Amino acid sequence: MYIALLIVSISLLFLLFFGVMMLGNKVAHTIEYLQAKEADQELAEIDEMMKQFNENGP
C-alpha cells in the first residue's frame, strides 16, 4: 500500500514539474515572438531612415 502511495506521489510531483516546465516554455516562446516582432519594426524604421539619408546625401 505504501509503495503504491509513494509511486503515485512521485508521479504527481513529476507531472507538476512537467506542467510548470511546459508553461515556462510557452511563456518563453511568446516573449521571443513579441521581441522579434518589435525588432522587425525597429529594423524597418532604421532601413527607411537609411534610404532617406542616402537619397538626400550626407
N, C-alpha and C. Protein backbone atom coordinates (compact mmCIF):
# COMPACT_ATOMS: atom_id res chain seq x y z
N MET A 1 0.83 -1.19 0.00
CA MET A 1 0.00 0.00 0.00
C MET A 1 0.87 1.26 0.00
N TYR A 2 1.89 1.24 0.86
CA TYR A 2 2.76 2.41 0.94
C TYR A 2 3.57 2.61 -0.35
N ILE A 3 3.92 1.51 -0.99
CA ILE A 3 4.68 1.61 -2.23
C ILE A 3 3.81 2.25 -3.32
N ALA A 4 2.55 1.86 -3.38
CA ALA A 4 1.64 2.45 -4.38
C ALA A 4 1.47 3.94 -4.10
N LEU A 5 1.32 4.32 -2.85
CA LEU A 5 1.18 5.72 -2.49
C LEU A 5 2.45 6.49 -2.85
N LEU A 6 3.59 5.90 -2.62
CA LEU A 6 4.86 6.53 -2.96
C LEU A 6 4.97 6.72 -4.48
N ILE A 7 4.60 5.71 -5.25
CA ILE A 7 4.66 5.80 -6.70
C ILE A 7 3.70 6.87 -7.22
N VAL A 8 2.50 6.93 -6.67
CA VAL A 8 1.53 7.94 -7.09
C VAL A 8 2.03 9.33 -6.72
N SER A 9 2.61 9.47 -5.53
CA SER A 9 3.13 10.77 -5.10
C SER A 9 4.26 11.25 -6.01
N ILE A 10 5.16 10.36 -6.33
CA ILE A 10 6.27 10.72 -7.22
C ILE A 10 5.75 11.06 -8.61
N SER A 11 4.77 10.31 -9.08
CA SER A 11 4.19 10.59 -10.40
C SER A 11 3.53 11.96 -10.42
N LEU A 12 2.77 12.30 -9.38
CA LEU A 12 2.13 13.61 -9.32
C LEU A 12 3.16 14.73 -9.25
N LEU A 13 4.23 14.52 -8.51
CA LEU A 13 5.30 15.51 -8.42
C LEU A 13 5.93 15.73 -9.80
N PHE A 14 6.18 14.63 -10.51
CA PHE A 14 6.75 14.73 -11.85
C PHE A 14 5.79 15.47 -12.78
N LEU A 15 4.49 15.14 -12.72
CA LEU A 15 3.51 15.81 -13.57
C LEU A 15 3.44 17.30 -13.26
N LEU A 16 3.53 17.67 -12.00
CA LEU A 16 3.52 19.08 -11.62
C LEU A 16 4.76 19.78 -12.19
N PHE A 17 5.92 19.16 -12.02
CA PHE A 17 7.16 19.71 -12.56
C PHE A 17 7.08 19.85 -14.08
N PHE A 18 6.58 18.83 -14.75
CA PHE A 18 6.46 18.84 -16.21
C PHE A 18 5.51 19.94 -16.65
N GLY A 19 4.41 20.11 -15.94
CA GLY A 19 3.45 21.15 -16.28
C GLY A 19 4.05 22.54 -16.15
N VAL A 20 4.81 22.77 -15.09
CA VAL A 20 5.46 24.07 -14.90
C VAL A 20 6.48 24.31 -16.00
N MET A 21 7.21 23.29 -16.38
CA MET A 21 8.19 23.44 -17.46
C MET A 21 7.51 23.75 -18.79
N MET A 22 6.40 23.09 -19.06
CA MET A 22 5.66 23.35 -20.30
C MET A 22 5.13 24.79 -20.32
N LEU A 23 4.61 25.24 -19.20
CA LEU A 23 4.10 26.61 -19.12
C LEU A 23 5.24 27.62 -19.31
N GLY A 24 6.38 27.37 -18.68
CA GLY A 24 7.53 28.25 -18.83
C GLY A 24 8.02 28.29 -20.27
N ASN A 25 8.00 27.15 -20.95
CA ASN A 25 8.42 27.10 -22.35
C ASN A 25 7.46 27.91 -23.22
N LYS A 26 6.18 27.81 -22.95
CA LYS A 26 5.19 28.57 -23.72
C LYS A 26 5.38 30.07 -23.51
N VAL A 27 5.62 30.48 -22.27
CA VAL A 27 5.84 31.90 -21.97
C VAL A 27 7.11 32.40 -22.66
N ALA A 28 8.17 31.59 -22.65
CA ALA A 28 9.42 31.98 -23.29
C ALA A 28 9.22 32.17 -24.80
N HIS A 29 8.49 31.27 -25.43
CA HIS A 29 8.24 31.41 -26.87
C HIS A 29 7.41 32.64 -27.17
N THR A 30 6.46 32.94 -26.32
CA THR A 30 5.64 34.15 -26.51
C THR A 30 6.50 35.40 -26.41
N ILE A 31 7.39 35.45 -25.42
CA ILE A 31 8.28 36.60 -25.25
C ILE A 31 9.21 36.74 -26.46
N GLU A 32 9.76 35.63 -26.93
CA GLU A 32 10.62 35.67 -28.12
C GLU A 32 9.87 36.19 -29.33
N TYR A 33 8.62 35.77 -29.50
CA TYR A 33 7.81 36.21 -30.63
C TYR A 33 7.59 37.72 -30.57
N LEU A 34 7.24 38.22 -29.39
CA LEU A 34 6.99 39.65 -29.24
C LEU A 34 8.25 40.47 -29.48
N GLN A 35 9.39 39.99 -28.97
CA GLN A 35 10.64 40.71 -29.18
C GLN A 35 11.04 40.71 -30.65
N ALA A 36 10.83 39.61 -31.33
CA ALA A 36 11.17 39.55 -32.76
C ALA A 36 10.29 40.51 -33.56
N LYS A 37 9.03 40.59 -33.18
CA LYS A 37 8.11 41.50 -33.87
C LYS A 37 8.55 42.95 -33.69
N GLU A 38 8.92 43.32 -32.46
CA GLU A 38 9.40 44.67 -32.19
C GLU A 38 10.72 44.94 -32.92
N ALA A 39 11.60 43.95 -32.95
CA ALA A 39 12.88 44.13 -33.62
C ALA A 39 12.69 44.34 -35.12
N ASP A 40 11.75 43.61 -35.71
CA ASP A 40 11.47 43.80 -37.14
C ASP A 40 10.97 45.21 -37.42
N GLN A 41 10.13 45.73 -36.54
CA GLN A 41 9.63 47.10 -36.72
C GLN A 41 10.77 48.11 -36.60
N GLU A 42 11.63 47.92 -35.61
CA GLU A 42 12.78 48.82 -35.43
C GLU A 42 13.70 48.79 -36.66
N LEU A 43 13.97 47.59 -37.16
CA LEU A 43 14.85 47.47 -38.32
C LEU A 43 14.22 48.10 -39.56
N ALA A 44 12.92 47.98 -39.71
CA ALA A 44 12.24 48.61 -40.84
C ALA A 44 12.36 50.13 -40.75
N GLU A 45 12.22 50.68 -39.54
CA GLU A 45 12.37 52.13 -39.37
C GLU A 45 13.79 52.58 -39.67
N ILE A 46 14.77 51.83 -39.21
CA ILE A 46 16.17 52.17 -39.47
C ILE A 46 16.46 52.10 -40.96
N ASP A 47 15.92 51.06 -41.62
CA ASP A 47 16.12 50.92 -43.06
C ASP A 47 15.51 52.11 -43.80
N GLU A 48 14.34 52.54 -43.40
CA GLU A 48 13.70 53.69 -44.05
C GLU A 48 14.52 54.96 -43.83
N MET A 49 15.04 55.15 -42.63
CA MET A 49 15.87 56.33 -42.35
C MET A 49 17.14 56.30 -43.18
N MET A 50 17.75 55.11 -43.36
CA MET A 50 18.96 54.99 -44.17
C MET A 50 18.68 55.31 -45.63
N LYS A 51 17.52 54.86 -46.13
CA LYS A 51 17.15 55.15 -47.52
C LYS A 51 16.98 56.66 -47.72
N GLN A 52 16.33 57.31 -46.77
CA GLN A 52 16.14 58.76 -46.87
C GLN A 52 17.48 59.48 -46.81
N PHE A 53 18.38 59.02 -45.96
CA PHE A 53 19.70 59.64 -45.85
C PHE A 53 20.48 59.47 -47.14
N ASN A 54 20.41 58.29 -47.74
CA ASN A 54 21.13 58.05 -48.99
C ASN A 54 20.56 58.85 -50.15
N GLU A 55 19.25 59.07 -50.13
CA GLU A 55 18.63 59.87 -51.20
C GLU A 55 19.01 61.34 -51.08
N ASN A 56 19.09 61.87 -49.87
CA ASN A 56 19.39 63.26 -49.66
C ASN A 56 20.89 63.54 -49.66
N GLY A 57 21.68 62.53 -49.48
CA GLY A 57 23.13 62.71 -49.44
C GLY A 57 23.61 63.12 -48.07
N PRO A 58 24.89 63.00 -47.83
CA PRO A 58 25.44 63.32 -46.50
C PRO A 58 25.44 64.81 -46.22
